Amino acid sequence: MFGLIAGSVAGIAFVVFNVYEKMKYTKMNDSLKEQYKFIQRVDSSKNAILLNAVMAGLSVALGLLNVDDLNNVGITIALICAFIGNILAAQTHRQVLFFEKGFSLDGVYTRYKSIQSIKPIKKGKKSNVLLLNQTSIVLDQAALTVLEDLRKKKG
Protein backbone atom coordinates (compact mmCIF):
# COMPACT_ATOMS: atom_id res chain seq x y z
CA MET A 1 0.00 0.00 0.00
CA PHE A 2 2.87 2.37 0.79
CA GLY A 3 4.28 1.90 -2.72
CA LEU A 4 0.95 2.82 -4.28
CA ILE A 5 0.62 5.98 -2.22
CA ALA A 6 4.27 7.02 -2.61
CA GLY A 7 4.28 6.37 -6.36
CA SER A 8 1.03 8.24 -6.88
CA VAL A 9 2.10 11.25 -4.81
CA ALA A 10 5.54 11.44 -6.45
CA GLY A 11 4.12 11.06 -9.94
CA ILE A 12 1.37 13.63 -9.47
CA ALA A 13 3.84 16.07 -7.88
CA PHE A 14 6.11 15.75 -10.92
CA VAL A 15 3.23 16.42 -13.33
CA VAL A 16 2.02 19.40 -11.26
CA PHE A 17 5.55 20.85 -11.20
CA ASN A 18 5.81 20.61 -14.99
CA VAL A 19 2.35 22.12 -15.47
CA TYR A 20 3.47 25.02 -13.25
CA GLU A 21 6.68 25.43 -15.29
CA LYS A 22 4.74 25.40 -18.56
CA MET A 23 2.32 28.04 -17.25
CA LYS A 24 5.22 30.20 -16.00
CA TYR A 25 7.08 30.10 -19.32
CA THR A 26 3.89 30.64 -21.31
CA LYS A 27 3.24 33.77 -19.24
CA MET A 28 6.84 34.96 -19.78
CA ASN A 29 6.60 34.34 -23.53
CA ASP A 30 3.27 36.16 -23.74
CA SER A 31 4.89 39.11 -21.97
CA LEU A 32 7.77 39.09 -24.47
CA LYS A 33 5.28 39.00 -27.36
CA GLU A 34 3.70 42.17 -25.98
CA GLN A 35 7.08 43.92 -25.73
CA TYR A 36 8.70 42.83 -29.00
CA LYS A 37 7.52 42.10 -32.53
CA PHE A 38 7.08 38.31 -32.70
CA ILE A 39 8.34 36.60 -35.85
CA GLN A 40 8.55 32.82 -35.44
CA ARG A 41 8.55 29.90 -33.00
CA VAL A 42 10.81 26.88 -33.50
CA ASP A 43 9.74 23.83 -31.51
CA SER A 44 12.24 20.97 -31.26
CA SER A 45 10.26 18.76 -28.91
CA LYS A 46 8.81 16.24 -31.39
CA ASN A 47 11.39 13.47 -30.80
CA ALA A 48 11.33 13.90 -27.02
CA ILE A 49 7.53 13.82 -26.97
CA LEU A 50 7.44 10.70 -29.13
CA LEU A 51 10.02 8.89 -27.01
CA ASN A 52 8.27 9.75 -23.75
CA ALA A 53 4.87 8.76 -25.14
CA VAL A 54 6.26 5.37 -26.16
CA MET A 55 7.85 4.94 -22.74
CA ALA A 56 4.57 5.85 -21.01
CA GLY A 57 2.82 3.23 -23.15
CA LEU A 58 5.44 0.63 -22.19
CA SER A 59 4.96 1.57 -18.53
CA VAL A 60 1.23 0.95 -18.85
CA ALA A 61 1.89 -2.41 -20.51
CA LEU A 62 4.37 -3.47 -17.83
CA GLY A 63 2.02 -2.29 -15.10
CA LEU A 64 -0.79 -4.43 -16.49
CA LEU A 65 1.36 -7.54 -16.12
CA ASN A 66 0.97 -7.54 -12.35
CA VAL A 67 -1.95 -5.38 -11.21
CA ASP A 68 -2.38 -7.47 -8.04
CA ASP A 69 0.77 -6.03 -6.45
CA LEU A 70 0.03 -2.51 -5.14
CA ASN A 71 3.73 -1.60 -5.06
CA ASN A 72 3.94 -2.43 -8.77
CA VAL A 73 0.87 -0.28 -9.46
CA GLY A 74 2.46 2.61 -7.54
CA ILE A 75 5.70 2.32 -9.49
CA THR A 76 3.71 2.18 -12.73
CA ILE A 77 1.77 5.32 -11.82
CA ALA A 78 5.01 7.11 -10.93
CA LEU A 79 6.60 6.09 -14.25
CA ILE A 80 3.58 7.12 -16.31
CA CYS A 81 3.44 10.49 -14.55
CA ALA A 82 7.19 10.95 -15.03
CA PHE A 83 6.90 10.43 -18.76
CA ILE A 84 3.89 12.73 -18.97
CA GLY A 85 5.86 15.33 -17.01
CA ASN A 86 8.77 14.90 -19.44
CA ILE A 87 6.40 15.54 -22.35
CA LEU A 88 5.31 18.80 -20.71
CA ALA A 89 8.93 19.72 -19.99
CA ALA A 90 9.92 19.06 -23.61
CA GLN A 91 7.15 21.34 -24.83
CA THR A 92 8.28 24.01 -22.38
CA HIS A 93 12.06 23.96 -22.72
CA ARG A 94 12.59 22.91 -26.33
CA GLN A 95 11.11 25.91 -28.07
CA VAL A 96 12.77 29.10 -29.22
CA LEU A 97 10.77 32.24 -29.92
CA PHE A 98 12.24 34.64 -32.44
CA PHE A 99 11.50 38.34 -32.37
CA GLU A 100 12.57 41.26 -34.53
CA LYS A 101 15.73 42.05 -32.54
CA GLY A 102 16.32 38.92 -30.47
CA PHE A 103 15.15 35.50 -29.38
CA SER A 104 13.86 33.83 -26.23
CA LEU A 105 14.83 30.44 -24.85
CA ASP A 106 13.39 29.39 -21.48
CA GLY A 107 12.00 32.87 -20.97
CA VAL A 108 15.40 34.56 -21.33
CA TYR A 109 15.47 37.20 -24.06
CA THR A 110 18.75 37.53 -25.97
CA ARG A 111 19.43 40.28 -28.50
CA TYR A 112 21.04 39.26 -31.79
CA LYS A 113 23.70 41.93 -31.23
CA SER A 114 24.90 40.15 -28.08
CA ILE A 115 26.01 37.02 -29.98
CA GLN A 116 29.78 36.75 -30.06
CA SER A 117 30.22 33.46 -31.94
CA ILE A 118 28.44 30.28 -33.02
CA LYS A 119 30.28 26.94 -32.99
CA PRO A 120 28.83 23.56 -34.01
CA ILE A 121 28.81 20.71 -31.50
CA LYS A 122 27.58 17.09 -31.58
CA LYS A 123 28.42 16.36 -35.22
CA GLY A 124 26.78 19.59 -36.39
CA LYS A 125 23.29 18.76 -35.05
CA LYS A 126 23.54 21.43 -32.37
CA SER A 127 25.51 24.61 -31.97
CA ASN A 128 26.90 26.51 -29.04
CA VAL A 129 26.00 30.21 -29.19
CA LEU A 130 28.50 32.23 -27.16
CA LEU A 131 27.24 35.59 -25.95
CA LEU A 132 29.21 38.75 -25.18
CA ASN A 133 28.71 38.21 -21.44
CA GLN A 134 30.53 34.85 -21.83
CA THR A 135 27.42 32.72 -21.25
CA SER A 136 26.40 30.21 -23.86
CA ILE A 137 23.19 28.77 -25.26
CA VAL A 138 22.82 25.48 -27.11
CA LEU A 139 20.49 25.55 -30.13
CA ASP A 140 19.53 22.76 -32.51
CA GLN A 141 19.91 23.07 -36.27
CA ALA A 142 16.32 24.23 -36.96
CA ALA A 143 16.57 27.09 -34.47
CA LEU A 144 20.08 27.97 -35.64
CA THR A 145 18.92 28.25 -39.26
CA VAL A 146 16.20 30.75 -38.27
CA LEU A 147 18.65 32.61 -36.02
CA GLU A 148 21.22 33.01 -38.79
CA ASP A 149 18.56 34.15 -41.30
CA LEU A 150 17.24 36.80 -38.91
CA ARG A 151 20.75 37.99 -38.02
CA LYS A 152 21.56 38.42 -41.73
CA LYS A 153 18.44 40.53 -42.20
CA LYS A 154 19.42 42.74 -39.26
CA GLY A 155 23.08 42.96 -40.16
C-alpha atoms as a PDB file:
ATOM      1  CA  MET A   1       0.000   0.000   0.000  1.00  0.00           C
ATOM      2  CA  PHE A   2       2.866   2.370   0.792  1.00  0.00           C
ATOM      3  CA  GLY A   3       4.285   1.902  -2.723  1.00  0.00           C
ATOM      4  CA  LEU A   4       0.954   2.817  -4.283  1.00  0.00           C
ATOM      5  CA  ILE A   5       0.620   5.985  -2.220  1.00  0.00           C
ATOM      6  CA  ALA A   6       4.272   7.017  -2.612  1.00  0.00           C
ATOM      7  CA  GLY A   7       4.276   6.373  -6.357  1.00  0.00           C
ATOM      8  CA  SER A   8       1.029   8.239  -6.879  1.00  0.00           C
ATOM      9  CA  VAL A   9       2.100  11.249  -4.810  1.00  0.00           C
ATOM     10  CA  ALA A  10       5.536  11.444  -6.450  1.00  0.00           C
ATOM     11  CA  GLY A  11       4.117  11.064  -9.937  1.00  0.00           C
ATOM     12  CA  ILE A  12       1.372  13.628  -9.470  1.00  0.00           C
ATOM     13  CA  ALA A  13       3.837  16.069  -7.875  1.00  0.00           C
ATOM     14  CA  PHE A  14       6.109  15.751 -10.918  1.00  0.00           C
ATOM     15  CA  VAL A  15       3.234  16.424 -13.327  1.00  0.00           C
ATOM     16  CA  VAL A  16       2.019  19.397 -11.258  1.00  0.00           C
ATOM     17  CA  PHE A  17       5.551  20.846 -11.202  1.00  0.00           C
ATOM     18  CA  ASN A  18       5.814  20.610 -14.994  1.00  0.00           C
ATOM     19  CA  VAL A  19       2.350  22.124 -15.465  1.00  0.00           C
ATOM     20  CA  TYR A  20       3.465  25.024 -13.249  1.00  0.00           C
ATOM     21  CA  GLU A  21       6.685  25.427 -15.289  1.00  0.00           C
ATOM     22  CA  LYS A  22       4.736  25.399 -18.562  1.00  0.00           C
ATOM     23  CA  MET A  23       2.319  28.041 -17.251  1.00  0.00           C
ATOM     24  CA  LYS A  24       5.221  30.199 -16.005  1.00  0.00           C
ATOM     25  CA  TYR A  25       7.082  30.099 -19.324  1.00  0.00           C
ATOM     26  CA  THR A  26       3.886  30.639 -21.312  1.00  0.00           C
ATOM     27  CA  LYS A  27       3.238  33.767 -19.244  1.00  0.00           C
ATOM     28  CA  MET A  28       6.836  34.957 -19.781  1.00  0.00           C
ATOM     29  CA  ASN A  29       6.602  34.344 -23.526  1.00  0.00           C
ATOM     30  CA  ASP A  30       3.272  36.162 -23.742  1.00  0.00           C
ATOM     31  CA  SER A  31       4.887  39.114 -21.975  1.00  0.00           C
ATOM     32  CA  LEU A  32       7.765  39.089 -24.468  1.00  0.00           C
ATOM     33  CA  LYS A  33       5.275  38.996 -27.357  1.00  0.00           C
ATOM     34  CA  GLU A  34       3.697  42.169 -25.979  1.00  0.00           C
ATOM     35  CA  GLN A  35       7.078  43.916 -25.729  1.00  0.00           C
ATOM     36  CA  TYR A  36       8.697  42.829 -29.003  1.00  0.00           C
ATOM     37  CA  LYS A  37       7.520  42.103 -32.530  1.00  0.00           C
ATOM     38  CA  PHE A  38       7.076  38.315 -32.704  1.00  0.00           C
ATOM     39  CA  ILE A  39       8.341  36.602 -35.851  1.00  0.00           C
ATOM     40  CA  GLN A  40       8.547  32.825 -35.442  1.00  0.00           C
ATOM     41  CA  ARG A  41       8.555  29.900 -33.005  1.00  0.00           C
ATOM     42  CA  VAL A  42      10.808  26.881 -33.501  1.00  0.00           C
ATOM     43  CA  ASP A  43       9.736  23.828 -31.512  1.00  0.00           C
ATOM     44  CA  SER A  44      12.240  20.968 -31.260  1.00  0.00           C
ATOM     45  CA  SER A  45      10.257  18.762 -28.913  1.00  0.00           C
ATOM     46  CA  LYS A  46       8.807  16.237 -31.395  1.00  0.00           C
ATOM     47  CA  ASN A  47      11.387  13.467 -30.797  1.00  0.00           C
ATOM     48  CA  ALA A  48      11.334  13.901 -27.021  1.00  0.00           C
ATOM     49  CA  ILE A  49       7.532  13.823 -26.974  1.00  0.00           C
ATOM     50  CA  LEU A  50       7.437  10.705 -29.130  1.00  0.00           C
ATOM     51  CA  LEU A  51      10.019   8.887 -27.010  1.00  0.00           C
ATOM     52  CA  ASN A  52       8.274   9.751 -23.746  1.00  0.00           C
ATOM     53  CA  ALA A  53       4.867   8.759 -25.141  1.00  0.00           C
ATOM     54  CA  VAL A  54       6.263   5.366 -26.163  1.00  0.00           C
ATOM     55  CA  MET A  55       7.854   4.937 -22.738  1.00  0.00           C
ATOM     56  CA  ALA A  56       4.566   5.847 -21.012  1.00  0.00           C
ATOM     57  CA  GLY A  57       2.825   3.230 -23.149  1.00  0.00           C
ATOM     58  CA  LEU A  58       5.440   0.633 -22.187  1.00  0.00           C
ATOM     59  CA  SER A  59       4.963   1.569 -18.529  1.00  0.00           C
ATOM     60  CA  VAL A  60       1.230   0.945 -18.849  1.00  0.00           C
ATOM     61  CA  ALA A  61       1.889  -2.412 -20.510  1.00  0.00           C
ATOM     62  CA  LEU A  62       4.366  -3.468 -17.827  1.00  0.00           C
ATOM     63  CA  GLY A  63       2.017  -2.292 -15.101  1.00  0.00           C
ATOM     64  CA  LEU A  64      -0.793  -4.429 -16.487  1.00  0.00           C
ATOM     65  CA  LEU A  65       1.361  -7.544 -16.118  1.00  0.00           C
ATOM     66  CA  ASN A  66       0.969  -7.536 -12.348  1.00  0.00           C
ATOM     67  CA  VAL A  67      -1.949  -5.385 -11.208  1.00  0.00           C
ATOM     68  CA  ASP A  68      -2.382  -7.467  -8.039  1.00  0.00           C
ATOM     69  CA  ASP A  69       0.775  -6.025  -6.454  1.00  0.00           C
ATOM     70  CA  LEU A  70       0.031  -2.510  -5.140  1.00  0.00           C
ATOM     71  CA  ASN A  71       3.727  -1.602  -5.057  1.00  0.00           C
ATOM     72  CA  ASN A  72       3.937  -2.426  -8.768  1.00  0.00           C
ATOM     73  CA  VAL A  73       0.873  -0.285  -9.455  1.00  0.00           C
ATOM     74  CA  GLY A  74       2.464   2.610  -7.536  1.00  0.00           C
ATOM     75  CA  ILE A  75       5.700   2.318  -9.494  1.00  0.00           C
ATOM     76  CA  THR A  76       3.713   2.177 -12.735  1.00  0.00           C
ATOM     77  CA  ILE A  77       1.765   5.319 -11.816  1.00  0.00           C
ATOM     78  CA  ALA A  78       5.014   7.108 -10.933  1.00  0.00           C
ATOM     79  CA  LEU A  79       6.596   6.087 -14.252  1.00  0.00           C
ATOM     80  CA  ILE A  80       3.585   7.120 -16.315  1.00  0.00           C
ATOM     81  CA  CYS A  81       3.444  10.486 -14.553  1.00  0.00           C
ATOM     82  CA  ALA A  82       7.195  10.948 -15.026  1.00  0.00           C
ATOM     83  CA  PHE A  83       6.905  10.425 -18.763  1.00  0.00           C
ATOM     84  CA  ILE A  84       3.886  12.735 -18.970  1.00  0.00           C
ATOM     85  CA  GLY A  85       5.865  15.326 -17.015  1.00  0.00           C
ATOM     86  CA  ASN A  86       8.767  14.900 -19.443  1.00  0.00           C
ATOM     87  CA  ILE A  87       6.397  15.543 -22.349  1.00  0.00           C
ATOM     88  CA  LEU A  88       5.313  18.798 -20.713  1.00  0.00           C
ATOM     89  CA  ALA A  89       8.935  19.724 -19.993  1.00  0.00           C
ATOM     90  CA  ALA A  90       9.923  19.065 -23.606  1.00  0.00           C
ATOM     91  CA  GLN A  91       7.147  21.340 -24.833  1.00  0.00           C
ATOM     92  CA  THR A  92       8.277  24.006 -22.379  1.00  0.00           C
ATOM     93  CA  HIS A  93      12.058  23.963 -22.716  1.00  0.00           C
ATOM     94  CA  ARG A  94      12.589  22.908 -26.329  1.00  0.00           C
ATOM     95  CA  GLN A  95      11.113  25.908 -28.066  1.00  0.00           C
ATOM     96  CA  VAL A  96      12.769  29.103 -29.221  1.00  0.00           C
ATOM     97  CA  LEU A  97      10.767  32.241 -29.919  1.00  0.00           C
ATOM     98  CA  PHE A  98      12.243  34.644 -32.440  1.00  0.00           C
ATOM     99  CA  PHE A  99      11.504  38.342 -32.367  1.00  0.00           C
ATOM    100  CA  GLU A 100      12.570  41.262 -34.532  1.00  0.00           C
ATOM    101  CA  LYS A 101      15.728  42.053 -32.540  1.00  0.00           C
ATOM    102  CA  GLY A 102      16.317  38.917 -30.465  1.00  0.00           C
ATOM    103  CA  PHE A 103      15.153  35.499 -29.379  1.00  0.00           C
ATOM    104  CA  SER A 104      13.864  33.831 -26.234  1.00  0.00           C
ATOM    105  CA  LEU A 105      14.827  30.437 -24.850  1.00  0.00           C
ATOM    106  CA  ASP A 106      13.389  29.385 -21.484  1.00  0.00           C
ATOM    107  CA  GLY A 107      11.996  32.871 -20.973  1.00  0.00           C
ATOM    108  CA  VAL A 108      15.399  34.558 -21.328  1.00  0.00           C
ATOM    109  CA  TYR A 109      15.468  37.199 -24.057  1.00  0.00           C
ATOM    110  CA  THR A 110      18.749  37.532 -25.965  1.00  0.00           C
ATOM    111  CA  ARG A 111      19.427  40.277 -28.503  1.00  0.00           C
ATOM    112  CA  TYR A 112      21.040  39.260 -31.792  1.00  0.00           C
ATOM    113  CA  LYS A 113      23.702  41.931 -31.230  1.00  0.00           C
ATOM    114  CA  SER A 114      24.902  40.152 -28.083  1.00  0.00           C
ATOM    115  CA  ILE A 115      26.011  37.024 -29.984  1.00  0.00           C
ATOM    116  CA  GLN A 116      29.781  36.746 -30.062  1.00  0.00           C
ATOM    117  CA  SER A 117      30.215  33.458 -31.945  1.00  0.00           C
ATOM    118  CA  ILE A 118      28.442  30.280 -33.020  1.00  0.00           C
ATOM    119  CA  LYS A 119      30.283  26.942 -32.993  1.00  0.00           C
ATOM    120  CA  PRO A 120      28.833  23.562 -34.007  1.00  0.00           C
ATOM    121  CA  ILE A 121      28.814  20.709 -31.496  1.00  0.00           C
ATOM    122  CA  LYS A 122      27.579  17.094 -31.584  1.00  0.00           C
ATOM    123  CA  LYS A 123      28.416  16.363 -35.216  1.00  0.00           C
ATOM    124  CA  GLY A 124      26.778  19.587 -36.393  1.00  0.00           C
ATOM    125  CA  LYS A 125      23.290  18.758 -35.054  1.00  0.00           C
ATOM    126  CA  LYS A 126      23.539  21.429 -32.365  1.00  0.00           C
ATOM    127  CA  SER A 127      25.508  24.614 -31.971  1.00  0.00           C
ATOM    128  CA  ASN A 128      26.904  26.509 -29.040  1.00  0.00           C
ATOM    129  CA  VAL A 129      26.003  30.211 -29.192  1.00  0.00           C
ATOM    130  CA  LEU A 130      28.505  32.229 -27.159  1.00  0.00           C
ATOM    131  CA  LEU A 131      27.237  35.594 -25.949  1.00  0.00           C
ATOM    132  CA  LEU A 132      29.208  38.746 -25.184  1.00  0.00           C
ATOM    133  CA  ASN A 133      28.706  38.215 -21.436  1.00  0.00           C
ATOM    134  CA  GLN A 134      30.525  34.849 -21.834  1.00  0.00           C
ATOM    135  CA  THR A 135      27.420  32.722 -21.245  1.00  0.00           C
ATOM    136  CA  SER A 136      26.401  30.213 -23.862  1.00  0.00           C
ATOM    137  CA  ILE A 137      23.191  28.769 -25.257  1.00  0.00           C
ATOM    138  CA  VAL A 138      22.820  25.480 -27.106  1.00  0.00           C
ATOM    139  CA  LEU A 139      20.492  25.548 -30.133  1.00  0.00           C
ATOM    140  CA  ASP A 140      19.533  22.762 -32.506  1.00  0.00           C
ATOM    141  CA  GLN A 141      19.906  23.072 -36.271  1.00  0.00           C
ATOM    142  CA  ALA A 142      16.320  24.231 -36.958  1.00  0.00           C
ATOM    143  CA  ALA A 143      16.571  27.095 -34.466  1.00  0.00           C
ATOM    144  CA  LEU A 144      20.081  27.965 -35.642  1.00  0.00           C
ATOM    145  CA  THR A 145      18.916  28.253 -39.258  1.00  0.00           C
ATOM    146  CA  VAL A 146      16.205  30.745 -38.274  1.00  0.00           C
ATOM    147  CA  LEU A 147      18.648  32.614 -36.025  1.00  0.00           C
ATOM    148  CA  GLU A 148      21.216  33.010 -38.793  1.00  0.00           C
ATOM    149  CA  ASP A 149      18.564  34.153 -41.299  1.00  0.00           C
ATOM    150  CA  LEU A 150      17.242  36.797 -38.910  1.00  0.00           C
ATOM    151  CA  ARG A 151      20.748  37.991 -38.021  1.00  0.00           C
ATOM    152  CA  LYS A 152      21.564  38.419 -41.734  1.00  0.00           C
ATOM    153  CA  LYS A 153      18.440  40.529 -42.198  1.00  0.00           C
ATOM    154  CA  LYS A 154      19.425  42.737 -39.258  1.00  0.00           C
ATOM    155  CA  GLY A 155      23.084  42.962 -40.159  1.00  0.00           C
END
